[in-house]
Amino acid sequence: MFIIQNLETEFYLKHNGSESFEHPYTEVPCPGDAEAFSSLEHAKYAVTWYCDMFKKWRIIDVYEGKSYVKNKIFEFVLEEVM
């Protein structure tokens, strides 16, 4: 399971129920309330196409404890690798 965190606010993304393709997420303070994505690829897709591209995002694997952030060429990589 993967959740998405805004690195600046430290809040997490939650789908707002909207069918709109423009930013259908709100930010919530608790990771337990965050939208859960079943795969890393799905979380990457959500960040790439539905989130503000000018903000910095972290994708967190809640089971493995790993996190991913974008590198200089906008690819998600393990955070420790940066």
C-alpha atoms as a PDB file:
ATOM      1  CA  MET A   1       0.000   0.000   0.000  1.00  0.00           C
ATOM      2  CA  PHE A   2       1.315   3.424  -0.952  1.00  0.00           C
ATOM      3  CA  ILE A   3       0.372   6.916   0.211  1.00  0.00           C
ATOM      4  CA  ILE A   4       1.455  10.314  -1.086  1.00  0.00           C
ATOM      5  CA  GLN A   5       2.861  13.098   1.086  1.00  0.00           C
ATOM      6  CA  ASN A   6       3.426  16.773   0.296  1.00  0.00           C
ATOM      7  CA  LEU A   7       7.019  17.419   1.408  1.00  0.00           C
ATOM      8  CA  GLU A   8       6.378  21.095   2.183  1.00  0.00           C
ATOM      9  CA  THR A   9       3.228  20.752   4.298  1.00  0.00           C
ATOM     10  CA  GLU A  10       3.913  17.166   5.466  1.00  0.00           C
ATOM     11  CA  PHE A  11       0.197  16.453   4.840  1.00  0.00           C
ATOM     12  CA  TYR A  12      -1.081  13.471   2.849  1.00  0.00           C
ATOM     13  CA  LEU A  13      -3.333  13.236  -0.187  1.00  0.00           C
ATOM     14  CA  LYS A  14      -6.932  12.037   0.030  1.00  0.00           C
ATOM     15  CA  HIS A  15      -9.258  11.748  -2.964  1.00  0.00           C
ATOM     16  CA  ASN A  16     -12.035  14.304  -2.590  1.00  0.00           C
ATOM     17  CA  GLY A  17     -14.687  12.239  -4.383  1.00  0.00           C
ATOM     18  CA  SER A  18     -14.665  14.510  -7.416  1.00  0.00           C
ATOM     19  CA  GLU A  19     -14.819  13.069 -10.914  1.00  0.00           C
ATOM     20  CA  SER A  20     -12.798  16.070 -12.120  1.00  0.00           C
ATOM     21  CA  PHE A  21      -9.381  15.427 -13.607  1.00  0.00           C
ATOM     22  CA  GLU A  22      -8.004  18.675 -12.168  1.00  0.00           C
ATOM     23  CA  HIS A  23      -6.531  18.128  -8.708  1.00  0.00           C
ATOM     24  CA  PRO A  24      -9.148  15.696  -7.316  1.00  0.00           C
ATOM     25  CA  TYR A  25      -7.236  15.444  -4.022  1.00  0.00           C
ATOM     26  CA  THR A  26      -7.229  17.343  -0.749  1.00  0.00           C
ATOM     27  CA  GLU A  27      -4.572  17.241   1.951  1.00  0.00           C
ATOM     28  CA  VAL A  28      -5.163  15.566   5.304  1.00  0.00           C
ATOM     29  CA  PRO A  29      -2.851  15.634   8.348  1.00  0.00           C
ATOM     30  CA  CYS A  30      -3.115  11.952   9.274  1.00  0.00           C
ATOM     31  CA  PRO A  31      -1.495   9.216   7.156  1.00  0.00           C
ATOM     32  CA  GLY A  32      -4.288   6.849   8.200  1.00  0.00           C
ATOM     33  CA  ASP A  33      -6.777   9.085   6.382  1.00  0.00           C
ATOM     34  CA  ALA A  34      -4.690   9.280   3.196  1.00  0.00           C
ATOM     35  CA  GLU A  35      -5.737   7.722  -0.089  1.00  0.00           C
ATOM     36  CA  ALA A  36      -4.180   4.255  -0.336  1.00  0.00           C
ATOM     37  CA  PHE A  37      -2.812   3.147  -3.696  1.00  0.00           C
ATOM     38  CA  SER A  38      -2.334  -0.558  -4.363  1.00  0.00           C
ATOM     39  CA  SER A  39       0.897  -0.153  -6.336  1.00  0.00           C
ATOM     40  CA  LEU A  40       3.829   2.200  -6.700  1.00  0.00           C
ATOM     41  CA  GLU A  41       2.925   2.655 -10.364  1.00  0.00           C
ATOM     42  CA  HIS A  42      -0.602   3.788  -9.462  1.00  0.00           C
ATOM     43  CA  ALA A  43       0.741   6.301  -6.927  1.00  0.00           C
ATOM     44  CA  LYS A  44       3.266   7.620  -9.480  1.00  0.00           C
ATOM     45  CA  TYR A  45       0.456   8.028 -12.006  1.00  0.00           C
ATOM     46  CA  ALA A  46      -1.679   9.990  -9.530  1.00  0.00           C
ATOM     47  CA  VAL A  47       1.205  12.329  -8.660  1.00  0.00           C
ATOM     48  CA  THR A  48       2.183  12.825 -12.292  1.00  0.00           C
ATOM     49  CA  TRP A  49      -1.262  13.530 -13.740  1.00  0.00           C
ATOM     50  CA  TYR A  50      -3.435  14.829 -10.887  1.00  0.00           C
ATOM     51  CA  CYS A  51      -1.161  16.710  -8.474  1.00  0.00           C
ATOM     52  CA  ASP A  52       0.445  20.133  -8.626  1.00  0.00           C
ATOM     53  CA  MET A  53       3.654  19.577 -10.590  1.00  0.00           C
ATOM     54  CA  PHE A  54       5.400  22.469  -8.846  1.00  0.00           C
ATOM     55  CA  LYS A  55       5.131  20.876  -5.410  1.00  0.00           C
ATOM     56  CA  LYS A  56       7.465  18.219  -4.047  1.00  0.00           C
ATOM     57  CA  TRP A  57       5.872  14.861  -3.294  1.00  0.00           C
ATOM     58  CA  ARG A  58       6.945  11.727  -1.471  1.00  0.00           C
ATOM     59  CA  ILE A  59       5.421   8.315  -2.148  1.00  0.00           C
ATOM     60  CA  ILE A  60       5.552   6.112   0.940  1.00  0.00           C
ATOM     61  CA  ASP A  61       5.342   2.323   0.926  1.00  0.00           C
ATOM     62  CA  VAL A  62       3.613   1.837   4.264  1.00  0.00           C
ATOM     63  CA  TYR A  63       4.409  -1.892   4.462  1.00  0.00           C
ATOM     64  CA  GLU A  64       8.086  -1.801   3.489  1.00  0.00           C
ATOM     65  CA  GLY A  65       8.915   1.568   5.069  1.00  0.00           C
ATOM     66  CA  LYS A  66      10.510   2.805   1.843  1.00  0.00           C
ATOM     67  CA  SER A  67       9.873   6.221   0.342  1.00  0.00           C
ATOM     68  CA  TYR A  68      10.334   7.618  -3.135  1.00  0.00           C
ATOM     69  CA  VAL A  69      10.942  11.179  -4.320  1.00  0.00           C
ATOM     70  CA  LYS A  70      11.550  12.722  -7.727  1.00  0.00           C
ATOM     71  CA  ASN A  71      15.135  13.138  -8.857  1.00  0.00           C
ATOM     72  CA  LYS A  72      16.482  15.906 -11.107  1.00  0.00           C
ATOM     73  CA  ILE A  73      14.996  14.318 -14.213  1.00  0.00           C
ATOM     74  CA  PHE A  74      11.581  13.891 -12.552  1.00  0.00           C
ATOM     75  CA  GLU A  75      11.758  10.129 -12.002  1.00  0.00           C
ATOM     76  CA  PHE A  76      10.757   8.639  -8.676  1.00  0.00           C
ATOM     77  CA  VAL A  77      13.706   6.966  -6.949  1.00  0.00           C
ATOM     78  CA  LEU A  78      14.316   5.581  -3.475  1.00  0.00           C
ATOM     79  CA  GLU A  79      14.781   8.543  -1.154  1.00  0.00           C
ATOM     80  CA  GLU A  80      18.091   7.224   0.230  1.00  0.00           C
ATOM     81  CA  VAL A  81      19.587   7.185  -3.274  1.00  0.00           C
ATOM     82  CA  MET A  82      19.229  10.938  -3.659  1.00  0.00           C
END
